[in-house]
Amino acid sequence: MKRATRTYRSEAEWQQLIQQQSSSGLSVRAFCKQRRIGDQSFYAWRNRLAKRKEPAAALNLLDITDLMTPDNVGQWHIELDLGSGIKLNLSQR
């Protein structure tokens, strides 16, 4: 009996395969069979990569529609601190 050869894939290749499966409309089993990928390896990599993703930062939203009233037109200045020393300044004076 001929032994199956192993294909070694990089993390980026697994990420691409996971995205392809997700958008393919195929089940994991069908996708893996079509691509000759072990479904256990697929699940293991999908879980591994999901754990590495950083949790989404909580959104703190601010309603600035009051700044656009006729009384305030031409008077507003908004500064957004995006972190890492990056700031976005919006001015109207």
PDB file of N, CA and C in Angstrom:
ATOM      1  N   MET A   1       0.839  -1.173   0.000  1.00  0.00           N
ATOM      2  CA  MET A   1       0.000   0.000   0.000  1.00  0.00           C
ATOM      3  C   MET A   1       0.889   1.242   0.000  1.00  0.00           C
ATOM      4  N   LYS A   2       0.602   2.181  -0.874  1.00  0.00           N
ATOM      5  CA  LYS A   2       1.393   3.394  -0.987  1.00  0.00           C
ATOM      6  C   LYS A   2       1.006   4.365   0.123  1.00  0.00           C
ATOM      7  N   ARG A   3       2.005   4.894   0.794  1.00  0.00           N
ATOM      8  CA  ARG A   3       1.774   5.839   1.879  1.00  0.00           C
ATOM      9  C   ARG A   3       1.520   7.225   1.303  1.00  0.00           C
ATOM     10  N   ALA A   4       0.551   7.924   1.870  1.00  0.00           N
ATOM     11  CA  ALA A   4       0.227   9.268   1.403  1.00  0.00           C
ATOM     12  C   ALA A   4       1.376  10.223   1.728  1.00  0.00           C
ATOM     13  N   THR A   5       1.661  11.110   0.788  1.00  0.00           N
ATOM     14  CA  THR A   5       2.700  12.099   1.039  1.00  0.00           C
ATOM     15  C   THR A   5       2.093  13.290   1.768  1.00  0.00           C
ATOM     16  N   ARG A   6       2.875  13.885   2.633  1.00  0.00           N
ATOM     17  CA  ARG A   6       2.407  15.029   3.407  1.00  0.00           C
ATOM     18  C   ARG A   6       2.756  16.314   2.686  1.00  0.00           C
ATOM     19  N   THR A   7       1.828  17.238   2.716  1.00  0.00           N
ATOM     20  CA  THR A   7       2.064  18.564   2.181  1.00  0.00           C
ATOM     21  C   THR A   7       2.145  19.520   3.360  1.00  0.00           C
ATOM     22  N   TYR A   8       3.244  20.222   3.468  1.00  0.00           N
ATOM     23  CA  TYR A   8       3.412  21.184   4.546  1.00  0.00           C
ATOM     24  C   TYR A   8       3.011  22.561   4.049  1.00  0.00           C
ATOM     25  N   ARG A   9       2.147  23.197   4.818  1.00  0.00           N
ATOM     26  CA  ARG A   9       1.631  24.508   4.449  1.00  0.00           C
ATOM     27  C   ARG A   9       2.015  25.530   5.504  1.00  0.00           C
ATOM     28  N   SER A  10       2.244  26.750   5.045  1.00  0.00           N
ATOM     29  CA  SER A  10       2.562  27.833   5.970  1.00  0.00           C
ATOM     30  C   SER A  10       1.277  28.330   6.638  1.00  0.00           C
ATOM     31  N   GLU A  11       1.458  29.134   7.658  1.00  0.00           N
ATOM     32  CA  GLU A  11       0.312  29.724   8.338  1.00  0.00           C
ATOM     33  C   GLU A  11      -0.529  30.551   7.361  1.00  0.00           C
ATOM     34  N   ALA A  12       0.134  31.299   6.497  1.00  0.00           N
ATOM     35  CA  ALA A  12      -0.578  32.116   5.510  1.00  0.00           C
ATOM     36  C   ALA A  12      -1.382  31.238   4.544  1.00  0.00           C
ATOM     37  N   GLU A  13      -0.820  30.099   4.159  1.00  0.00           N
ATOM     38  CA  GLU A  13      -1.540  29.186   3.274  1.00  0.00           C
ATOM     39  C   GLU A  13      -2.776  28.618   3.960  1.00  0.00           C
ATOM     40  N   TRP A  14      -2.653  28.279   5.260  1.00  0.00           N
ATOM     41  CA  TRP A  14      -3.814  27.774   5.997  1.00  0.00           C
ATOM     42  C   TRP A  14      -4.871  28.858   6.128  1.00  0.00           C
ATOM     43  N   GLN A  15      -4.447  30.074   6.387  1.00  0.00           N
ATOM     44  CA  GLN A  15      -5.400  31.180   6.501  1.00  0.00           C
ATOM     45  C   GLN A  15      -6.169  31.338   5.193  1.00  0.00           C
ATOM     46  N   GLN A  16      -5.473  31.256   4.083  1.00  0.00           N
ATOM     47  CA  GLN A  16      -6.112  31.372   2.772  1.00  0.00           C
ATOM     48  C   GLN A  16      -7.092  30.222   2.536  1.00  0.00           C
ATOM     49  N   LEU A  17      -6.699  29.016   2.892  1.00  0.00           N
ATOM     50  CA  LEU A  17      -7.588  27.862   2.723  1.00  0.00           C
ATOM     51  C   LEU A  17      -8.846  28.004   3.581  1.00  0.00           C
ATOM     52  N   ILE A  18      -8.676  28.491   4.794  1.00  0.00           N
ATOM     53  CA  ILE A  18      -9.820  28.678   5.686  1.00  0.00           C
ATOM     54  C   ILE A  18     -10.784  29.714   5.109  1.00  0.00           C
ATOM     55  N   GLN A  19     -10.248  30.784   4.567  1.00  0.00           N
ATOM     56  CA  GLN A  19     -11.094  31.805   3.937  1.00  0.00           C
ATOM     57  C   GLN A  19     -11.793  31.247   2.700  1.00  0.00           C
ATOM     58  N   GLN A  20     -11.078  30.459   1.912  1.00  0.00           N
ATOM     59  CA  GLN A  20     -11.671  29.860   0.718  1.00  0.00           C
ATOM     60  C   GLN A  20     -12.811  28.922   1.083  1.00  0.00           C
ATOM     61  N   GLN A  21     -12.618  28.116   2.107  1.00  0.00           N
ATOM     62  CA  GLN A  21     -13.677  27.198   2.532  1.00  0.00           C
ATOM     63  C   GLN A  21     -14.892  27.978   3.001  1.00  0.00           C
ATOM     64  N   SER A  22     -14.651  29.028   3.757  1.00  0.00           N
ATOM     65  CA  SER A  22     -15.740  29.822   4.299  1.00  0.00           C
ATOM     66  C   SER A  22     -16.604  30.428   3.199  1.00  0.00           C
ATOM     67  N   SER A  23     -15.976  30.874   2.125  1.00  0.00           N
ATOM     68  CA  SER A  23     -16.728  31.502   1.035  1.00  0.00           C
ATOM     69  C   SER A  23     -17.160  30.514  -0.045  1.00  0.00           C
ATOM     70  N   SER A  24     -16.751  29.252   0.071  1.00  0.00           N
ATOM     71  CA  SER A  24     -17.052  28.267  -0.972  1.00  0.00           C
ATOM     72  C   SER A  24     -18.478  27.740  -0.931  1.00  0.00           C
ATOM     73  N   GLY A  25     -19.090  27.809   0.245  1.00  0.00           N
ATOM     74  CA  GLY A  25     -20.416  27.220   0.395  1.00  0.00           C
ATOM     75  C   GLY A  25     -20.369  25.718   0.642  1.00  0.00           C
ATOM     76  N   LEU A  26     -19.173  25.164   0.684  1.00  0.00           N
ATOM     77  CA  LEU A  26     -19.004  23.728   0.939  1.00  0.00           C
ATOM     78  C   LEU A  26     -18.806  23.484   2.426  1.00  0.00           C
ATOM     79  N   SER A  27     -19.197  22.315   2.862  1.00  0.00           N
ATOM     80  CA  SER A  27     -18.888  21.925   4.236  1.00  0.00           C
ATOM     81  C   SER A  27     -17.379  21.731   4.339  1.00  0.00           C
ATOM     82  N   VAL A  28     -16.878  21.721   5.567  1.00  0.00           N
ATOM     83  CA  VAL A  28     -15.447  21.485   5.768  1.00  0.00           C
ATOM     84  C   VAL A  28     -15.055  20.143   5.180  1.00  0.00           C
ATOM     85  N   ARG A  29     -15.872  19.134   5.427  1.00  0.00           N
ATOM     86  CA  ARG A  29     -15.557  17.791   4.931  1.00  0.00           C
ATOM     87  C   ARG A  29     -15.472  17.767   3.400  1.00  0.00           C
ATOM     88  N   ALA A  30     -16.455  18.372   2.726  1.00  0.00           N
ATOM     89  CA  ALA A  30     -16.462  18.383   1.259  1.00  0.00           C
ATOM     90  C   ALA A  30     -15.296  19.199   0.707  1.00  0.00           C
ATOM     91  N   PHE A  31     -15.025  20.346   1.320  1.00  0.00           N
ATOM     92  CA  PHE A  31     -13.920  21.195   0.874  1.00  0.00           C
ATOM     93  C   PHE A  31     -12.592  20.455   1.013  1.00  0.00           C
ATOM     94  N   CYS A  32     -12.406  19.841   2.177  1.00  0.00           N
ATOM     95  CA  CYS A  32     -11.151  19.126   2.422  1.00  0.00           C
ATOM     96  C   CYS A  32     -10.985  17.932   1.484  1.00  0.00           C
ATOM     97  N   LYS A  33     -12.069  17.224   1.215  1.00  0.00           N
ATOM     98  CA  LYS A  33     -12.000  16.085   0.299  1.00  0.00           C
ATOM     99  C   LYS A  33     -11.625  16.556  -1.099  1.00  0.00           C
ATOM    100  N   GLN A  34     -12.232  17.670  -1.521  1.00  0.00           N
ATOM    101  CA  GLN A  34     -11.959  18.224  -2.850  1.00  0.00           C
ATOM    102  C   GLN A  34     -10.497  18.659  -2.976  1.00  0.00           C
ATOM    103  N   ARG A  35      -9.945  19.211  -1.900  1.00  0.00           N
ATOM    104  CA  ARG A  35      -8.567  19.722  -1.913  1.00  0.00           C
ATOM    105  C   ARG A  35      -7.537  18.715  -1.407  1.00  0.00           C
ATOM    106  N   ARG A  36      -8.024  17.527  -1.040  1.00  0.00           N
ATOM    107  CA  ARG A  36      -7.161  16.482  -0.489  1.00  0.00           C
ATOM    108  C   ARG A  36      -6.409  16.973   0.755  1.00  0.00           C
ATOM    109  N   ILE A  37      -7.190  17.555   1.653  1.00  0.00           N
ATOM    110  CA  ILE A  37      -6.674  18.053   2.919  1.00  0.00           C
ATOM    111  C   ILE A  37      -7.315  17.225   4.021  1.00  0.00           C
ATOM    112  N   GLY A  38      -6.545  16.864   5.017  1.00  0.00           N
ATOM    113  CA  GLY A  38      -7.113  16.167   6.167  1.00  0.00           C
ATOM    114  C   GLY A  38      -8.023  17.104   6.944  1.00  0.00           C
ATOM    115  N   ASP A  39      -9.262  16.701   7.151  1.00  0.00           N
ATOM    116  CA  ASP A  39     -10.188  17.607   7.821  1.00  0.00           C
ATOM    117  C   ASP A  39      -9.774  17.871   9.261  1.00  0.00           C
ATOM    118  N   GLN A  40      -9.116  16.935   9.916  1.00  0.00           N
ATOM    119  CA  GLN A  40      -8.633  17.173  11.280  1.00  0.00           C
ATOM    120  C   GLN A  40      -7.558  18.258  11.287  1.00  0.00           C
ATOM    121  N   SER A  41      -6.696  18.254  10.293  1.00  0.00           N
ATOM    122  CA  SER A  41      -5.684  19.314  10.181  1.00  0.00           C
ATOM    123  C   SER A  41      -6.351  20.654   9.931  1.00  0.00           C
ATOM    124  N   PHE A  42      -7.373  20.647   9.087  1.00  0.00           N
ATOM    125  CA  PHE A  42      -8.102  21.877   8.794  1.00  0.00           C
ATOM    126  C   PHE A  42      -8.713  22.450  10.068  1.00  0.00           C
ATOM    127  N   TYR A  43      -9.414  21.614  10.825  1.00  0.00           N
ATOM    128  CA  TYR A  43     -10.037  22.073  12.074  1.00  0.00           C
ATOM    129  C   TYR A  43      -8.986  22.571  13.064  1.00  0.00           C
ATOM    130  N   ALA A  44      -7.867  21.857  13.162  1.00  0.00           N
ATOM    131  CA  ALA A  44      -6.817  22.249  14.100  1.00  0.00           C
ATOM    132  C   ALA A  44      -6.248  23.624  13.739  1.00  0.00           C
ATOM    133  N   TRP A  45      -5.986  23.847  12.447  1.00  0.00           N
ATOM    134  CA  TRP A  45      -5.457  25.136  12.024  1.00  0.00           C
ATOM    135  C   TRP A  45      -6.498  26.241  12.170  1.00  0.00           C
ATOM    136  N   ARG A  46      -7.735  25.935  11.879  1.00  0.00           N
ATOM    137  CA  ARG A  46      -8.791  26.953  12.016  1.00  0.00           C
ATOM    138  C   ARG A  46      -8.893  27.393  13.479  1.00  0.00           C
ATOM    139  N   ASN A  47      -8.851  26.446  14.395  1.00  0.00           N
ATOM    140  CA  ASN A  47      -8.896  26.780  15.821  1.00  0.00           C
ATOM    141  C   ASN A  47      -7.653  27.545  16.256  1.00  0.00           C
ATOM    142  N   ARG A  48      -6.499  27.109  15.799  1.00  0.00           N
ATOM    143  CA  ARG A  48      -5.244  27.774  16.159  1.00  0.00           C
ATOM    144  C   ARG A  48      -5.237  29.224  15.699  1.00  0.00           C
ATOM    145  N   LEU A  49      -5.649  29.456  14.467  1.00  0.00           N
ATOM    146  CA  LEU A  49      -5.649  30.815  13.940  1.00  0.00           C
ATOM    147  C   LEU A  49      -6.725  31.683  14.586  1.00  0.00           C
ATOM    148  N   ALA A  50      -7.842  31.097  14.942  1.00  0.00           N
ATOM    149  CA  ALA A  50      -8.909  31.854  15.598  1.00  0.00           C
ATOM    150  C   ALA A  50      -8.453  32.332  16.976  1.00  0.00           C
ATOM    151  N   LYS A  51      -7.659  31.534  17.670  1.00  0.00           N
ATOM    152  CA  LYS A  51      -7.170  31.909  18.991  1.00  0.00           C
ATOM    153  C   LYS A  51      -6.158  33.035  18.924  1.00  0.00           C
ATOM    154  N   ARG A  52      -5.471  33.169  17.807  1.00  0.00           N
ATOM    155  CA  ARG A  52      -4.441  34.207  17.657  1.00  0.00           C
ATOM    156  C   ARG A  52      -5.023  35.576  17.365  1.00  0.00           C
ATOM    157  N   LYS A  53      -6.238  35.604  16.864  1.00  0.00           N
ATOM    158  CA  LYS A  53      -6.839  36.889  16.544  1.00  0.00           C
ATOM    159  C   LYS A  53      -7.052  37.677  17.829  1.00  0.00           C
ATOM    160  N   GLU A  54      -6.692  38.942  17.768  1.00  0.00           N
ATOM    161  CA  GLU A  54      -6.903  39.797  18.926  1.00  0.00           C
ATOM    162  C   GLU A  54      -8.386  40.116  19.035  1.00  0.00           C
ATOM    163  N   PRO A  55      -8.878  40.187  20.263  1.00  0.00           N
ATOM    164  CA  PRO A  55     -10.287  40.554  20.404  1.00  0.00           C
ATOM    165  C   PRO A  55     -10.514  41.965  19.882  1.00  0.00           C
ATOM    166  N   ALA A  56     -11.661  42.158  19.271  1.00  0.00           N
ATOM    167  CA  ALA A  56     -11.989  43.470  18.727  1.00  0.00           C
ATOM    168  C   ALA A  56     -12.076  44.479  19.861  1.00  0.00           C
ATOM    169  N   ALA A  57     -11.503  45.633  19.633  1.00  0.00           N
ATOM    170  CA  ALA A  57     -11.556  46.698  20.639  1.00  0.00           C
ATOM    171  C   ALA A  57     -12.989  47.173  20.792  1.00  0.00           C
ATOM    172  N   ALA A  58     -13.343  47.505  22.009  1.00  0.00           N
ATOM    173  CA  ALA A  58     -14.689  48.017  22.259  1.00  0.00           C
ATOM    174  C   ALA A  58     -14.831  49.368  21.566  1.00  0.00           C
ATOM    175  N   LEU A  59     -15.957  49.568  20.932  1.00  0.00           N
ATOM    176  CA  LEU A  59     -16.198  50.815  20.227  1.00  0.00           C
ATOM    177  C   LEU A  59     -16.812  51.839  21.171  1.00  0.00           C
ATOM    178  N   ASN A  60     -16.200  52.980  21.237  1.00  0.00           N
ATOM    179  CA  ASN A  60     -16.762  54.088  21.985  1.00  0.00           C
ATOM    180  C   ASN A  60     -17.192  55.124  20.957  1.00  0.00           C
ATOM    181  N   LEU A  61     -18.474  55.156  20.668  1.00  0.00           N
ATOM    182  CA  LEU A  61     -18.995  56.035  19.638  1.00  0.00           C
ATOM    183  C   LEU A  61     -19.478  57.333  20.243  1.00  0.00           C
ATOM    184  N   LEU A  62     -19.284  58.402  19.514  1.00  0.00           N
ATOM    185  CA  LEU A  62     -19.690  59.718  19.952  1.00  0.00           C
ATOM    186  C   LEU A  62     -20.544  60.335  18.857  1.00  0.00           C
ATOM    187  N   ASP A  63     -21.727  60.775  19.217  1.00  0.00           N
ATOM    188  CA  ASP A  63     -22.624  61.429  18.262  1.00  0.00           C
ATOM    189  C   ASP A  63     -22.190  62.879  18.114  1.00  0.00           C
ATOM    190  N   ILE A  64     -21.726  63.241  16.927  1.00  0.00           N
ATOM    191  CA  ILE A  64     -21.246  64.604  16.699  1.00  0.00           C
ATOM    192  C   ILE A  64     -22.207  65.416  15.832  1.00  0.00           C
ATOM    193  N   THR A  65     -23.413  64.929  15.669  1.00  0.00           N
ATOM    194  CA  THR A  65     -24.359  65.661  14.825  1.00  0.00           C
ATOM    195  C   THR A  65     -24.681  67.040  15.377  1.00  0.00           C
ATOM    196  N   ASP A  66     -24.588  67.222  16.708  1.00  0.00           N
ATOM    197  CA  ASP A  66     -24.835  68.544  17.284  1.00  0.00           C
ATOM    198  C   ASP A  66     -23.803  69.567  16.836  1.00  0.00           C
ATOM    199  N   LEU A  67     -22.632  69.113  16.433  1.00  0.00           N
ATOM    200  CA  LEU A  67     -21.603  70.033  15.960  1.00  0.00           C
ATOM    201  C   LEU A  67     -21.967  70.654  14.625  1.00  0.00           C
ATOM    202  N   MET A  68     -22.913  70.061  13.928  1.00  0.00           N
ATOM    203  CA  MET A  68     -23.248  70.508  12.575  1.00  0.00           C
ATOM    204  C   MET A  68     -24.479  71.411  12.544  1.00  0.00           C
ATOM    205  N   THR A  69     -24.933  71.882  13.681  1.00  0.00           N
ATOM    206  CA  THR A  69     -26.092  72.773  13.705  1.00  0.00           C
ATOM    207  C   THR A  69     -25.676  74.140  13.170  1.00  0.00           C
ATOM    208  N   PRO A  70     -26.626  74.930  12.682  1.00  0.00           N
ATOM    209  CA  PRO A  70     -26.299  76.259  12.145  1.00  0.00           C
ATOM    210  C   PRO A  70     -25.557  77.142  13.158  1.00  0.00           C
ATOM    211  N   ASP A  71     -25.833  76.973  14.447  1.00  0.00           N
ATOM    212  CA  ASP A  71     -25.170  77.789  15.464  1.00  0.00           C
ATOM    213  C   ASP A  71     -23.691  77.447  15.614  1.00  0.00           C
ATOM    214  N   ASN A  72     -23.345  76.200  15.320  1.00  0.00           N
ATOM    215  CA  ASN A  72     -21.974  75.734  15.537  1.00  0.00           C
ATOM    216  C   ASN A  72     -21.142  75.650  14.265  1.00  0.00           C
ATOM    217  N   VAL A  73     -21.732  75.903  13.119  1.00  0.00           N
ATOM    218  CA  VAL A  73     -20.981  75.798  11.867  1.00  0.00           C
ATOM    219  C   VAL A  73     -19.802  76.761  11.920  1.00  0.00           C
ATOM    220  N   GLY A  74     -18.653  76.262  11.577  1.00  0.00           N
ATOM    221  CA  GLY A  74     -17.454  77.081  11.562  1.00  0.00           C
ATOM    222  C   GLY A  74     -16.759  77.170  12.903  1.00  0.00           C
ATOM    223  N   GLN A  75     -17.236  76.454  13.911  1.00  0.00           N
ATOM    224  CA  GLN A  75     -16.657  76.582  15.237  1.00  0.00           C
ATOM    225  C   GLN A  75     -16.063  75.288  15.778  1.00  0.00           C
ATOM    226  N   TRP A  76     -16.168  74.203  15.111  1.00  0.00           N
ATOM    227  CA  TRP A  76     -15.775  72.929  15.725  1.00  0.00           C
ATOM    228  C   TRP A  76     -14.344  72.523  15.392  1.00  0.00           C
ATOM    229  N   HIS A  77     -13.761  71.789  16.324  1.00  0.00           N
ATOM    230  CA  HIS A  77     -12.438  71.179  16.181  1.00  0.00           C
ATOM    231  C   HIS A  77     -12.528  69.801  16.837  1.00  0.00           C
ATOM    232  N   ILE A  78     -12.191  68.757  16.103  1.00  0.00           N
ATOM    233  CA  ILE A  78     -12.259  67.389  16.617  1.00  0.00           C
ATOM    234  C   ILE A  78     -10.882  66.761  16.462  1.00  0.00           C
ATOM    235  N   GLU A  79     -10.390  66.138  17.525  1.00  0.00           N
ATOM    236  CA  GLU A  79      -9.114  65.427  17.470  1.00  0.00           C
ATOM    237  C   GLU A  79      -9.351  63.995  17.903  1.00  0.00           C
ATOM    238  N   LEU A  80      -9.009  63.041  17.032  1.00  0.00           N
ATOM    239  CA  LEU A  80      -9.139  61.621  17.336  1.00  0.00           C
ATOM    240  C   LEU A  80      -7.749  61.046  17.572  1.00  0.00           C
ATOM    241  N   ASP A  81      -7.537  60.474  18.741  1.00  0.00           N
ATOM    242  CA  ASP A  81      -6.276  59.820  19.051  1.00  0.00           C
ATOM    243  C   ASP A  81      -6.407  58.359  18.642  1.00  0.00           C
ATOM    244  N   LEU A  82      -5.705  57.962  17.578  1.00  0.00           N
ATOM    245  CA  LEU A  82      -5.785  56.609  17.040  1.00  0.00           C
ATOM    246  C   LEU A  82      -4.769  55.672  17.677  1.00  0.00           C
ATOM    247  N   GLY A  83      -3.981  56.167  18.595  1.00  0.00           N
ATOM    248  CA  GLY A  83      -2.966  55.344  19.241  1.00  0.00           C
ATOM    249  C   GLY A  83      -1.674  55.345  18.460  1.00  0.00           C
ATOM    250  N   SER A  84      -0.634  54.859  19.074  1.00  0.00           N
ATOM    251  CA  SER A  84       0.705  54.791  18.464  1.00  0.00           C
ATOM    252  C   SER A  84       1.170  56.158  17.980  1.00  0.00           C
ATOM    253  N   GLY A  85       0.759  57.202  18.666  1.00  0.00           N
ATOM    254  CA  GLY A  85       1.187  58.554  18.300  1.00  0.00           C
ATOM    255  C   GLY A  85       0.474  59.139  17.098  1.00  0.00           C
ATOM    256  N   ILE A  86      -0.564  58.490  16.613  1.00  0.00           N
ATOM    257  CA  ILE A  86      -1.279  58.963  15.433  1.00  0.00           C
ATOM    258  C   ILE A  86      -2.556  59.666  15.881  1.00  0.00           C
ATOM    259  N   LYS A  87      -2.708  60.904  15.415  1.00  0.00           N
ATOM    260  CA  LYS A  87      -3.903  61.673  15.750  1.00  0.00           C
ATOM    261  C   LYS A  87      -4.518  62.206  14.468  1.00  0.00           C
ATOM    262  N   LEU A  88      -5.849  62.186  14.438  1.00  0.00           N
ATOM    263  CA  LEU A  88      -6.596  62.718  13.305  1.00  0.00           C
ATOM    264  C   LEU A  88      -7.276  63.988  13.785  1.00  0.00           C
ATOM    265  N   ASN A  89      -6.988  65.087  13.138  1.00  0.00           N
ATOM    266  CA  ASN A  89      -7.574  66.376  13.512  1.00  0.00           C
ATOM    267  C   ASN A  89      -8.562  66.838  12.446  1.00  0.00           C
ATOM    268  N   LEU A  90      -9.757  67.179  12.881  1.00  0.00           N
ATOM    269  CA  LEU A  90     -10.773  67.765  12.011  1.00  0.00           C
ATOM    270  C   LEU A  90     -11.066  69.151  12.552  1.00  0.00           C
ATOM    271  N   SER A  91     -10.913  70.145  11.750  1.00  0.00           N
ATOM    272  CA  SER A  91     -11.115  71.507  12.219  1.00  0.00           C
ATOM    273  C   SER A  91     -12.056  72.257  11.298  1.00  0.00           C
ATOM    274  N   GLN A  92     -12.795  73.149  11.896  1.00  0.00           N
ATOM    275  CA  GLN A  92     -13.598  74.082  11.118  1.00  0.00           C
ATOM    276  C   GLN A  92     -13.679  75.349  11.946  1.00  0.00           C
ATOM    277  N   ARG A  93     -12.913  76.322  11.558  1.00  0.00           N
ATOM    278  CA  ARG A  93     -12.862  77.595  12.299  1.00  0.00           C
ATOM    279  C   ARG A  93     -12.853  78.742  11.367  1.00  0.00           C
TER     280      ARG A  93
END
